[in-house]
Amino acid sequence: MNKHLLRYTIVTVTACMLFVSCHDLDLTPHDRETDTDYWNKPESASYMINKCYQGMNNADEVLYSDAMTDNAYTKVSNSHNQAIGNGTFSTADNYVRTVWDYRYAGIHQCNQLLNNLDRIPGLSDELRNRYKGEATFIRAYHYFELYSKFGDIPFFTTVISIDESRTIARTAKSEVVNSLLSELSDIIDNNYLPTSYDAQDIGRITHWAAMGLKARMLMFEGGTRFDEVIPITNKIITEGGFALHGDYEELFNIQHENNSEVLLDVQYKPVDREHQVQYHFLPPSLGGYSQLSPLQELVDDYLTLDGYAIAEAPTASYDPGHPFSNRDPRLAATIVYTGNSYTLADGSDHVVDSRKGVAPDGFEFSSDASATGYYIKKYWDNTYRSNLMSGLNIILMRYADILLMHAEALAERGQLDATEWNRTIRPLRSRAGFTEARALEFPTGGDLKEIVRRERRSELALEGLRHKDIIRWRIAEEVLNGWSHGLYTGDAVGTDNGYVRIENRKFDSTKHYLWPIPQNERDLNSNLTQNSQW
């Protein structure tokens, strides 16, 4: 997908696995004996688990995920995942291939540690179990990313040979899911992972994060498995000690990293380990290129402050002439529109004007300006160094998601009542800044499942979760067919009702719910079957 994602085939990774130097270790083994020497060093476990963490996820992958949904658009066609979003991808798609390769590279790293962990001397049982829990979690994370996109996949939990990598077949998704859930249950039930860490190990996987991942995987399966989600999320809520951070916008600032809401994130550090994802979404006036931009469809989904969807709101609640007034405060905290601003390091506000043709940030003013007329605000880091380099952590799992999964599972099983609403949705809306009773109190009408789904979209927008949501809800053909839109210009040409046409998308429900197995992999391994319609 980008420079942060490694390019491997399963065969290539397997070949590298036979020579530990492919992992850039401090020694260069060339035979079995030196490999044995390597695993006789206690520090090998620490080194390898850290390598596993580095491959789990990254800033670009998280934010660009929403470009495959009705939340966002990426304007560059030859990189990232534009073709997934508009439905033009193929068996040779570069992004599809990169996701496959990147995830299997991570799986191999985890297998290498897990297969050799018992050989490493000098580790206490507690530490050895922790390493096992961390590596098992990360491997499950990679496999979740694969089967949620490809369905049946090659599945292995040992280091495989080159010959095996050329002949391995796909394992049924159901078997993969059950195996991973069993592994997660094992590390949860046996308390292999601590519930928290000291400052030196902050950011490592906890017992609660493992429970959260298990809940996510069960949510993706849906159906009767919602019954399994409820006790997991309930235990995290009642025993985990997490709390919503007091200010929604501050939650994504570097000054408030590792707060009480975060269960898991990608740890970055200024200078030592940084990302440059801001360059991809900031306006030209702040040095950005705005390659990734929010869509009007996301903007329109935020409620009014008194709890109405804008399509149903009375005129006193929503005025199309002032579309950003009286709206869910999370809209202004997530998306920059004309009149909204970024807070700079000195405390001043950098106000943006994205109206058509206005320099320098206006729609169509330059190729650097937003393709939709909107800019991303979430994950803005005003402590950036030169070239917009940032050490801001990227959140992978937070307490709000646990509350939303709990509410959704209850709604799906017809069990969401006022008491559970007040444990889950109401706190989210209160934290966001809602005060009107109509927005805060348990709804007396409407579809509770749809209400919770809308809340999930507003709370978690641009955090890399929307794609799995529209896939598991089976609504992708509803939200990814036809024109996506940008800001309102009022023009008669190139618009729908005055809203700029951005991209004419297509989602074929008979085909696109599963990605194709990359053709280059099938060229190397004739036992890899292809998904239907591909």
Protein backbone atom coordinates (compact mmCIF):
# COMPACT_ATOMS: atom_id res chain seq x y z
CA MET A 1 0.00 0.00 0.00
CA ASN A 2 2.81 2.42 0.87
CA LYS A 3 6.38 2.60 1.94
CA HIS A 4 5.48 1.35 5.41
CA LEU A 5 4.13 -1.97 4.13
CA LEU A 6 6.61 -4.69 3.28
CA ARG A 7 6.36 -6.59 0.01
CA TYR A 8 6.57 -10.36 0.35
CA THR A 9 4.88 -13.42 -1.03
CA ILE A 10 4.36 -16.37 1.29
CA VAL A 11 7.21 -18.13 -0.51
CA THR A 12 9.53 -15.14 -0.12
CA VAL A 13 8.79 -14.77 3.57
CA THR A 14 9.29 -18.48 4.14
CA ALA A 15 12.67 -18.30 2.46
CA CYS A 16 13.63 -15.40 4.70
CA MET A 17 12.51 -17.38 7.73
CA LEU A 18 15.22 -19.93 7.08
CA PHE A 19 17.82 -17.21 7.47
CA VAL A 20 17.28 -15.01 10.49
CA SER A 21 19.30 -12.25 8.81
CA CYS A 22 16.13 -11.43 6.84
CA HIS A 23 14.85 -9.96 10.10
CA ASP A 24 17.86 -7.65 10.44
CA LEU A 25 19.18 -9.22 13.62
CA ASP A 26 22.47 -8.47 15.30
CA LEU A 27 24.04 -11.62 13.82
CA THR A 28 23.95 -13.21 10.39
CA PRO A 29 23.30 -16.95 10.70
CA HIS A 30 24.05 -19.10 7.67
CA ASP A 31 23.37 -22.56 9.00
CA ARG A 32 21.44 -24.53 11.60
CA GLU A 33 24.08 -24.19 14.29
CA THR A 34 24.12 -20.40 14.35
CA ASP A 35 20.32 -20.38 14.35
CA THR A 36 20.45 -22.53 17.46
CA ASP A 37 22.95 -20.16 19.02
CA TYR A 38 20.61 -17.27 18.36
CA TRP A 39 17.68 -18.82 20.19
CA ASN A 40 19.94 -19.62 23.13
CA LYS A 41 20.06 -15.91 23.93
CA PRO A 42 17.41 -14.62 26.39
CA GLU A 43 17.30 -11.25 24.63
CA SER A 44 16.11 -12.94 21.41
CA ALA A 45 12.59 -13.18 22.81
CA SER A 46 12.40 -9.46 23.57
CA TYR A 47 13.83 -8.56 20.19
CA MET A 48 11.44 -10.76 18.24
CA ILE A 49 8.28 -9.74 20.10
CA ASN A 50 9.16 -6.12 19.42
CA LYS A 51 9.51 -6.99 15.73
CA CYS A 52 6.05 -8.53 15.88
CA TYR A 53 4.62 -5.34 17.34
CA GLN A 54 6.19 -3.22 14.60
CA GLY A 55 4.40 -5.24 11.94
CA MET A 56 0.96 -5.26 13.56
CA ASN A 57 -0.34 -2.01 12.06
CA ASN A 58 0.64 1.54 11.12
CA ALA A 59 -0.80 5.03 10.75
CA ASP A 60 -1.36 4.92 6.99
CA GLU A 61 -3.15 1.59 7.07
CA VAL A 62 -5.55 2.73 9.80
CA LEU A 63 -6.57 6.06 8.28
CA TYR A 64 -6.68 4.96 4.66
CA SER A 65 -9.01 2.10 5.55
CA ASP A 66 -11.92 4.55 5.50
CA ALA A 67 -11.20 5.37 1.84
CA MET A 68 -12.69 1.94 1.10
CA THR A 69 -15.99 3.16 2.58
CA ASP A 70 -18.54 5.95 2.37
CA ASN A 71 -16.51 7.95 4.90
CA ALA A 72 -13.58 9.07 2.77
CA TYR A 73 -11.92 9.29 -0.63
CA THR A 74 -8.31 9.11 -1.79
CA LYS A 75 -7.54 11.09 -4.93
CA VAL A 76 -4.40 9.26 -6.10
CA SER A 77 -5.30 6.28 -8.25
CA ASN A 78 -1.93 4.54 -8.47
CA SER A 79 -1.31 4.07 -4.75
CA HIS A 80 -3.21 3.09 -1.65
CA ASN A 81 -6.71 1.70 -2.03
CA GLN A 82 -8.78 3.88 -4.33
CA ALA A 83 -9.70 0.91 -6.52
CA ILE A 84 -11.19 -0.94 -3.54
CA GLY A 85 -13.43 2.01 -2.77
CA ASN A 86 -14.71 2.42 -6.32
CA GLY A 87 -14.92 -1.28 -7.17
CA THR A 88 -12.40 -1.38 -10.03
CA PHE A 89 -9.84 -3.65 -8.34
CA SER A 90 -8.76 -6.94 -9.87
CA THR A 91 -6.81 -10.10 -9.09
CA ALA A 92 -3.63 -8.14 -9.87
CA ASP A 93 -4.47 -5.15 -7.66
CA ASN A 94 -1.36 -3.85 -5.91
CA TYR A 95 -3.11 -2.95 -2.67
CA VAL A 96 -4.81 -6.34 -2.39
CA ARG A 97 -1.49 -8.04 -2.94
CA THR A 98 0.25 -5.83 -0.41
CA VAL A 99 -2.29 -6.52 2.32
CA TRP A 100 -1.88 -10.25 1.72
CA ASP A 101 1.92 -10.07 1.75
CA TYR A 102 2.16 -7.71 4.72
CA ARG A 103 -0.12 -9.79 6.93
CA TYR A 104 1.60 -13.07 6.10
CA ALA A 105 4.98 -11.47 6.82
CA GLY A 106 3.67 -10.57 10.27
CA ILE A 107 2.29 -14.07 10.80
CA HIS A 108 5.68 -15.59 9.97
CA GLN A 109 7.39 -13.35 12.52
CA CYS A 110 4.93 -14.46 15.21
CA ASN A 111 5.31 -18.13 14.26
CA GLN A 112 9.06 -17.87 14.43
CA LEU A 113 8.93 -16.62 18.01
CA LEU A 114 6.17 -18.99 19.13
CA ASN A 115 7.90 -22.00 17.61
CA ASN A 116 11.17 -21.20 19.37
CA LEU A 117 9.98 -19.67 22.62
CA ASP A 118 10.48 -22.83 24.69
CA ARG A 119 14.12 -23.03 23.53
CA ILE A 120 15.04 -19.64 24.94
CA PRO A 121 16.77 -19.90 28.34
CA GLY A 122 16.60 -17.51 31.25
CA LEU A 123 12.93 -16.53 31.00
CA SER A 124 10.60 -16.74 33.96
CA ASP A 125 7.35 -18.64 33.41
CA GLU A 126 5.47 -15.35 33.76
CA LEU A 127 7.53 -13.62 31.06
CA ARG A 128 7.48 -16.62 28.74
CA ASN A 129 3.69 -16.77 29.02
CA ARG A 130 3.44 -13.05 28.38
CA TYR A 131 5.50 -13.33 25.20
CA LYS A 132 3.30 -16.23 24.12
CA GLY A 133 0.18 -14.19 24.78
CA GLU A 134 1.48 -11.15 22.90
CA ALA A 135 2.62 -13.11 19.85
CA THR A 136 -0.60 -15.16 19.77
CA PHE A 137 -2.66 -11.96 19.89
CA ILE A 138 -0.69 -10.32 17.08
CA ARG A 139 -0.94 -13.43 14.92
CA ALA A 140 -4.70 -13.51 15.49
CA TYR A 141 -4.87 -9.82 14.60
CA HIS A 142 -3.14 -10.51 11.27
CA TYR A 143 -5.37 -13.47 10.51
CA PHE A 144 -8.47 -11.42 11.32
CA GLU A 145 -7.37 -8.83 8.78
CA LEU A 146 -6.94 -11.59 6.20
CA TYR A 147 -10.07 -13.70 6.64
CA SER A 148 -12.31 -10.64 6.99
CA LYS A 149 -11.22 -9.65 3.48
CA PHE A 150 -10.39 -12.91 1.69
CA GLY A 151 -12.61 -15.47 3.43
CA ASP A 152 -10.91 -18.90 3.25
CA ILE A 153 -7.15 -18.43 3.59
CA PRO A 154 -3.93 -20.44 4.03
CA PHE A 155 -3.76 -20.99 7.79
CA PHE A 156 -0.73 -22.25 9.69
CA THR A 157 0.67 -21.78 13.18
CA THR A 158 4.15 -23.20 12.61
CA VAL A 159 7.11 -22.10 10.54
CA ILE A 160 6.51 -23.72 7.15
CA SER A 161 9.07 -24.76 4.57
CA ILE A 162 9.41 -23.32 1.07
CA ASP A 163 7.92 -26.48 -0.40
CA GLU A 164 4.96 -26.29 1.97
CA SER A 165 4.38 -22.65 1.09
CA ARG A 166 4.08 -23.64 -2.58
CA THR A 167 1.47 -26.29 -1.93
CA ILE A 168 -0.57 -25.11 1.04
CA ALA A 169 -4.30 -24.86 0.37
CA ARG A 170 -6.90 -22.51 1.81
CA THR A 171 -8.54 -23.38 5.12
CA ALA A 172 -12.26 -22.74 5.56
CA LYS A 173 -12.93 -19.38 7.22
CA SER A 174 -15.10 -21.01 9.88
CA GLU A 175 -12.22 -23.28 10.90
CA VAL A 176 -9.81 -20.34 11.03
CA VAL A 177 -12.22 -18.31 13.17
CA ASN A 178 -12.82 -21.11 15.65
CA SER A 179 -9.11 -21.83 15.96
CA LEU A 180 -8.25 -18.19 16.60
CA LEU A 181 -11.05 -17.75 19.11
CA SER A 182 -9.81 -20.83 20.93
CA GLU A 183 -6.27 -19.47 21.05
CA LEU A 184 -7.49 -16.12 22.38
CA SER A 185 -9.60 -17.88 25.00
CA ASP A 186 -6.52 -19.81 26.08
CA ILE A 187 -4.41 -16.73 26.72
CA ILE A 188 -7.36 -14.94 28.36
CA ASP A 189 -8.46 -17.79 30.62
CA ASN A 190 -4.89 -18.58 31.68
CA ASN A 191 -4.04 -14.92 32.35
CA TYR A 192 -0.96 -14.96 30.16
CA LEU A 193 -1.26 -11.21 29.68
CA PRO A 194 -1.21 -8.62 32.47
CA THR A 195 -4.14 -6.28 32.98
CA SER A 196 -1.79 -3.28 32.84
CA TYR A 197 1.87 -2.35 32.50
CA ASP A 198 4.24 0.09 34.13
CA ALA A 199 5.52 3.13 32.24
CA GLN A 200 8.44 1.20 30.74
CA ASP A 201 6.14 -1.22 28.90
CA ILE A 202 3.21 1.08 28.17
CA GLY A 203 1.47 0.21 24.91
CA ARG A 204 1.89 -3.55 25.15
CA ILE A 205 -1.04 -5.90 24.72
CA THR A 206 -3.08 -6.46 27.85
CA HIS A 207 -5.59 -9.03 29.04
CA TRP A 208 -8.35 -6.53 28.19
CA ALA A 209 -7.10 -5.94 24.65
CA ALA A 210 -7.21 -9.71 24.05
CA MET A 211 -10.81 -9.75 25.23
CA GLY A 212 -11.57 -6.77 22.98
CA LEU A 213 -10.12 -8.51 19.92
CA LYS A 214 -12.12 -11.63 20.69
CA ALA A 215 -15.27 -9.48 20.91
CA ARG A 216 -14.48 -7.86 17.54
CA MET A 217 -14.03 -11.20 15.86
CA LEU A 218 -17.33 -12.44 17.26
CA MET A 219 -19.06 -9.23 16.15
CA PHE A 220 -17.81 -9.86 12.63
CA GLU A 221 -19.45 -13.29 12.68
CA GLY A 222 -22.75 -11.90 13.99
CA GLY A 223 -25.86 -14.06 14.37
CA THR A 224 -25.97 -16.15 17.52
CA ARG A 225 -22.38 -15.17 18.31
CA PHE A 226 -23.67 -11.81 19.57
CA ASP A 227 -24.62 -13.83 22.67
CA GLU A 228 -20.91 -14.52 23.21
CA VAL A 229 -19.99 -10.86 22.84
CA ILE A 230 -22.20 -9.57 25.65
CA PRO A 231 -20.43 -11.23 28.62
CA ILE A 232 -17.01 -10.27 27.22
CA THR A 233 -17.81 -6.59 26.76
CA ASN A 234 -19.71 -6.52 30.03
CA LYS A 235 -16.66 -7.81 31.89
CA ILE A 236 -14.42 -5.18 30.31
CA ILE A 237 -16.93 -2.49 31.27
CA THR A 238 -17.35 -3.65 34.85
CA GLU A 239 -13.85 -4.88 35.68
CA GLY A 240 -11.43 -3.30 33.22
CA GLY A 241 -11.07 0.07 34.94
CA PHE A 242 -11.38 2.02 31.69
CA ALA A 243 -13.16 5.35 31.33
CA LEU A 244 -14.03 7.73 28.52
CA HIS A 245 -11.51 10.53 28.20
CA GLY A 246 -13.13 13.80 29.21
CA ASP A 247 -12.73 15.61 25.89
CA TYR A 248 -13.39 13.89 22.55
CA GLU A 249 -11.05 16.07 20.48
CA GLU A 250 -8.22 15.86 23.00
CA LEU A 251 -8.41 12.07 22.90
CA PHE A 252 -6.43 12.15 19.64
CA ASN A 253 -3.81 14.69 20.74
CA ILE A 254 -0.24 13.75 21.60
CA GLN A 255 -0.57 15.49 24.97
CA HIS A 256 -3.23 12.95 26.03
CA GLU A 257 -1.77 9.69 24.74
CA ASN A 258 -2.10 6.50 26.77
CA ASN A 259 -5.16 7.84 28.58
CA SER A 260 -7.85 5.88 30.43
CA GLU A 261 -9.80 5.14 27.23
CA VAL A 262 -7.07 3.41 25.23
CA LEU A 263 -6.95 -0.40 25.20
CA LEU A 264 -4.42 -0.69 22.36
CA ASP A 265 -2.57 1.61 20.00
CA VAL A 266 0.36 1.78 17.60
CA GLN A 267 3.11 3.38 19.65
CA TYR A 268 5.10 6.12 17.99
CA LYS A 269 7.70 8.43 19.51
CA PRO A 270 8.93 11.81 18.26
CA VAL A 271 12.23 11.46 16.39
CA ASP A 272 12.73 7.76 17.23
CA ARG A 273 9.68 6.30 15.46
CA GLU A 274 7.46 8.63 13.48
CA HIS A 275 4.84 8.66 10.73
CA GLN A 276 3.92 11.25 8.13
CA VAL A 277 0.22 10.55 7.70
CA GLN A 278 -0.62 14.23 8.37
CA TYR A 279 0.90 15.14 5.03
CA HIS A 280 -1.79 12.99 3.44
CA PHE A 281 -4.75 14.81 5.01
CA LEU A 282 -3.80 18.39 5.98
CA PRO A 283 -4.63 21.43 3.81
CA PRO A 284 -1.96 23.15 1.71
CA SER A 285 -1.90 26.08 4.14
CA LEU A 286 -0.38 23.70 6.70
CA GLY A 287 1.93 21.99 4.23
CA GLY A 288 -0.34 19.06 3.41
CA TYR A 289 -1.32 17.42 0.14
CA SER A 290 -4.80 16.27 1.18
CA GLN A 291 -4.61 12.93 -0.57
CA LEU A 292 -7.20 11.55 1.86
CA SER A 293 -10.41 13.52 2.38
CA PRO A 294 -13.77 13.04 4.15
CA LEU A 295 -16.91 12.69 2.06
CA GLN A 296 -20.22 14.56 2.29
CA GLU A 297 -21.91 11.27 3.13
CA LEU A 298 -20.00 11.18 6.43
CA VAL A 299 -20.71 14.84 7.16
CA ASP A 300 -24.43 14.27 6.62
CA ASP A 301 -24.57 11.36 9.05
CA TYR A 302 -23.89 13.42 12.17
CA LEU A 303 -27.00 14.23 14.19
CA THR A 304 -28.23 17.64 15.25
CA LEU A 305 -27.61 18.62 18.86
CA ASP A 306 -31.21 17.81 19.70
CA GLY A 307 -30.87 14.30 18.30
CA TYR A 308 -32.34 14.49 14.80
CA ALA A 309 -30.92 13.04 11.62
CA ILE A 310 -30.66 16.03 9.27
CA ALA A 311 -33.05 14.44 6.74
CA GLU A 312 -35.72 14.31 9.45
CA ALA A 313 -34.89 17.45 11.40
CA PRO A 314 -37.37 20.32 11.74
CA THR A 315 -36.28 23.69 10.37
CA ALA A 316 -35.56 24.95 13.89
CA SER A 317 -33.03 22.15 14.32
CA TYR A 318 -31.26 22.07 10.94
CA ASP A 319 -30.76 24.84 8.41
CA PRO A 320 -29.21 23.72 5.08
CA GLY A 321 -27.90 27.27 4.67
CA HIS A 322 -25.84 26.81 7.86
CA PRO A 323 -25.20 23.08 7.76
CA PHE A 324 -22.56 22.97 10.50
CA SER A 325 -24.57 24.79 13.15
CA ASN A 326 -26.35 22.87 15.88
CA ARG A 327 -24.60 19.61 14.97
CA ASP A 328 -22.98 16.79 16.90
CA PRO A 329 -19.73 18.33 18.24
CA ARG A 330 -17.81 15.29 17.02
CA LEU A 331 -18.28 16.59 13.48
CA ALA A 332 -16.17 19.67 14.19
CA ALA A 333 -13.64 17.57 16.10
CA THR A 334 -13.24 15.11 13.21
CA ILE A 335 -13.63 17.14 10.00
CA VAL A 336 -12.44 20.61 8.99
CA TYR A 337 -14.82 22.63 6.85
CA THR A 338 -14.97 26.33 6.02
CA GLY A 339 -14.79 28.26 9.28
CA ASN A 340 -13.43 25.34 11.30
CA SER A 341 -9.83 25.45 12.47
CA TYR A 342 -6.74 23.60 13.63
CA THR A 343 -5.21 24.64 16.95
CA LEU A 344 -1.51 25.43 16.51
CA ALA A 345 1.25 24.77 19.04
CA ASP A 346 1.13 28.38 20.26
CA GLY A 347 -2.58 28.07 21.01
CA SER A 348 -3.77 30.15 18.06
CA ASP A 349 -6.40 28.90 15.60
CA HIS A 350 -5.57 28.22 11.98
CA VAL A 351 -8.91 28.79 10.24
CA VAL A 352 -9.57 27.05 6.92
CA ASP A 353 -11.62 28.33 3.99
CA SER A 354 -12.37 25.46 1.62
CA ARG A 355 -14.94 27.19 -0.58
CA LYS A 356 -14.52 26.60 -4.29
CA GLY A 357 -11.58 28.45 -5.80
CA VAL A 358 -10.44 30.18 -2.59
CA ALA A 359 -6.66 30.23 -2.06
CA PRO A 360 -4.93 28.16 -0.85
CA ASP A 361 -7.26 25.53 0.61
CA GLY A 362 -10.38 25.94 -1.49
CA PHE A 363 -11.92 23.16 -3.50
CA GLU A 364 -10.34 23.02 -7.00
CA PHE A 365 -7.90 25.85 -6.24
CA SER A 366 -4.92 23.53 -6.72
CA SER A 367 -4.03 19.86 -6.97
CA ASP A 368 -2.91 20.00 -3.34
CA ALA A 369 -6.33 21.05 -2.09
CA SER A 370 -8.94 18.61 -0.86
CA ALA A 371 -10.77 16.72 -3.60
CA THR A 372 -13.97 16.90 -1.54
CA GLY A 373 -13.74 20.33 0.09
CA TYR A 374 -13.25 18.75 3.51
CA TYR A 375 -10.11 18.03 5.54
CA ILE A 376 -9.40 15.58 8.35
CA LYS A 377 -8.92 17.01 11.83
CA LYS A 378 -8.75 13.83 13.91
CA TYR A 379 -5.09 12.90 14.53
CA TRP A 380 -3.87 16.44 13.87
CA ASP A 381 -0.58 16.77 15.77
CA ASN A 382 0.50 20.36 16.33
CA THR A 383 3.84 19.22 17.77
CA TYR A 384 5.01 17.92 14.39
CA ARG A 385 8.61 18.29 13.25
CA SER A 386 9.82 19.23 9.77
CA ASN A 387 7.96 17.65 6.84
CA LEU A 388 4.97 17.01 9.14
CA MET A 389 6.73 14.13 10.88
CA SER A 390 4.77 13.08 13.96
CA GLY A 391 5.23 10.81 16.95
CA LEU A 392 1.50 10.70 17.74
CA ASN A 393 0.18 7.25 18.66
CA ILE A 394 -2.59 5.78 16.49
CA ILE A 395 -5.38 4.13 18.47
CA LEU A 396 -6.39 0.62 17.44
CA MET A 397 -8.91 -0.12 20.20
CA ARG A 398 -10.57 2.13 22.77
CA TYR A 399 -13.21 1.91 25.46
CA ALA A 400 -15.80 3.69 23.32
CA ASP A 401 -15.64 0.77 20.89
CA ILE A 402 -16.24 -1.66 23.76
CA LEU A 403 -19.35 0.32 24.77
CA LEU A 404 -20.58 0.38 21.18
CA MET A 405 -20.01 -3.34 20.65
CA HIS A 406 -21.90 -4.04 23.86
CA ALA A 407 -24.83 -1.83 22.81
CA GLU A 408 -24.92 -3.30 19.30
CA ALA A 409 -24.83 -6.91 20.49
CA LEU A 410 -27.67 -6.18 22.90
CA ALA A 411 -29.68 -4.42 20.18
CA GLU A 412 -29.17 -7.33 17.80
CA ARG A 413 -30.53 -9.71 20.44
CA GLY A 414 -33.44 -7.42 21.37
CA GLN A 415 -31.99 -6.70 24.82
CA LEU A 416 -30.98 -3.03 24.60
CA ASP A 417 -33.09 -1.23 27.19
CA ALA A 418 -32.89 2.11 29.00
CA THR A 419 -30.50 0.76 31.63
CA GLU A 420 -28.02 -0.54 29.07
CA TRP A 421 -28.44 2.59 26.93
CA ASN A 422 -27.41 4.66 29.93
CA ARG A 423 -24.28 2.51 30.35
CA THR A 424 -23.23 2.78 26.71
CA ILE A 425 -24.68 5.32 24.27
CA ARG A 426 -25.63 8.06 26.72
CA PRO A 427 -22.07 8.42 28.14
CA LEU A 428 -20.69 8.70 24.60
CA ARG A 429 -23.13 11.45 23.70
CA SER A 430 -22.62 13.26 26.99
CA ARG A 431 -18.86 13.24 26.48
CA ALA A 432 -19.36 14.52 22.92
CA GLY A 433 -21.28 17.54 24.23
CA PHE A 434 -24.95 16.66 23.81
CA THR A 435 -27.21 18.12 26.49
CA GLU A 436 -30.73 17.92 25.01
CA ALA A 437 -32.93 15.19 26.48
CA ARG A 438 -34.00 13.99 23.03
CA ALA A 439 -30.40 13.14 22.19
CA LEU A 440 -29.49 11.64 25.56
CA GLU A 441 -32.49 9.63 26.66
CA PHE A 442 -33.37 6.11 25.56
CA PRO A 443 -35.30 6.33 22.25
CA THR A 444 -39.00 5.61 22.46
CA GLY A 445 -39.20 4.97 18.73
CA GLY A 446 -37.04 4.09 15.76
CA ASP A 447 -34.83 1.14 14.94
CA LEU A 448 -32.39 0.67 17.82
CA LYS A 449 -29.97 -1.28 15.64
CA GLU A 450 -29.78 1.59 13.14
CA ILE A 451 -29.45 4.15 15.94
CA VAL A 452 -26.48 2.27 17.40
CA ARG A 453 -24.90 1.84 13.97
CA ARG A 454 -25.13 5.59 13.32
CA GLU A 455 -23.60 6.28 16.72
CA ARG A 456 -20.77 3.91 15.93
CA ARG A 457 -20.03 5.71 12.68
CA SER A 458 -20.00 9.16 14.27
CA GLU A 459 -17.88 8.12 17.27
CA LEU A 460 -15.31 6.04 15.38
CA ALA A 461 -15.10 7.87 12.03
CA LEU A 462 -11.70 7.71 10.34
CA GLU A 463 -10.32 5.20 12.85
CA GLY A 464 -10.13 2.27 10.43
CA LEU A 465 -13.25 0.39 11.58
CA ARG A 466 -15.93 1.44 9.09
CA HIS A 467 -14.85 -0.99 6.36
CA LYS A 468 -15.38 -4.08 8.52
CA ASP A 469 -18.68 -2.60 9.71
CA ILE A 470 -20.23 -2.17 6.27
CA ILE A 471 -19.01 -5.65 5.31
CA ARG A 472 -20.37 -7.44 8.38
CA TRP A 473 -23.65 -5.47 8.22
CA ARG A 474 -23.95 -6.44 4.53
CA ILE A 475 -24.77 -2.84 3.54
CA ALA A 476 -21.78 -2.21 1.27
CA GLU A 477 -23.92 -2.45 -1.89
CA GLU A 478 -26.16 0.27 -0.42
CA VAL A 479 -23.43 2.75 0.51
CA LEU A 480 -20.80 2.05 -2.19
CA ASN A 481 -22.91 2.21 -5.36
CA GLY A 482 -23.34 5.44 -7.31
CA TRP A 483 -21.75 8.84 -6.85
CA SER A 484 -19.94 9.84 -3.70
CA HIS A 485 -20.03 13.55 -2.97
CA GLY A 486 -18.09 16.52 -1.72
CA LEU A 487 -19.09 19.93 -0.46
CA TYR A 488 -22.03 22.02 -1.66
CA THR A 489 -21.14 24.49 -4.42
CA GLY A 490 -24.58 25.01 -5.93
CA ASP A 491 -23.20 24.41 -9.42
CA ALA A 492 -25.59 22.96 -11.98
CA VAL A 493 -22.94 20.83 -13.70
CA GLY A 494 -20.98 18.05 -12.01
CA THR A 495 -23.19 17.97 -8.95
CA ASP A 496 -26.22 16.29 -7.45
CA ASN A 497 -28.50 18.87 -5.86
CA GLY A 498 -25.51 21.20 -5.73
CA TYR A 499 -23.15 18.72 -4.02
CA VAL A 500 -20.02 17.98 -6.02
CA ARG A 501 -19.76 14.55 -7.61
CA ILE A 502 -16.49 12.94 -6.52
CA GLU A 503 -16.39 9.35 -7.69
CA ASN A 504 -18.88 6.97 -9.31
CA ARG A 505 -18.50 3.82 -7.26
CA LYS A 506 -19.60 0.26 -7.81
CA PHE A 507 -20.01 -2.58 -5.35
CA ASP A 508 -21.11 -5.93 -6.75
CA SER A 509 -22.72 -7.89 -3.91
CA THR A 510 -22.08 -11.18 -5.72
CA LYS A 511 -18.36 -10.50 -5.86
CA HIS A 512 -16.96 -7.69 -3.72
CA TYR A 513 -17.74 -8.95 -0.22
CA LEU A 514 -14.59 -11.02 -0.66
CA TRP A 515 -11.37 -9.80 -2.20
CA PRO A 516 -9.64 -11.91 -4.85
CA ILE A 517 -6.72 -14.15 -3.95
CA PRO A 518 -3.75 -12.33 -5.54
CA GLN A 519 -2.94 -13.83 -8.91
CA ASN A 520 0.81 -13.80 -8.25
CA GLU A 521 0.20 -16.10 -5.28
CA ARG A 522 -1.85 -18.49 -7.39
CA ASP A 523 0.90 -18.50 -10.02
CA LEU A 524 3.28 -19.79 -7.33
CA ASN A 525 0.82 -22.18 -5.72
CA SER A 526 -1.68 -24.05 -7.88
CA ASN A 527 -3.54 -25.30 -4.79
CA LEU A 528 -4.85 -21.81 -4.03
CA THR A 529 -8.43 -21.62 -5.29
CA GLN A 530 -10.06 -18.32 -6.26
CA ASN A 531 -13.07 -16.61 -4.73
CA SER A 532 -16.36 -16.68 -6.63
CA GLN A 533 -16.77 -14.29 -9.59
CA TRP A 534 -13.06 -13.45 -9.65
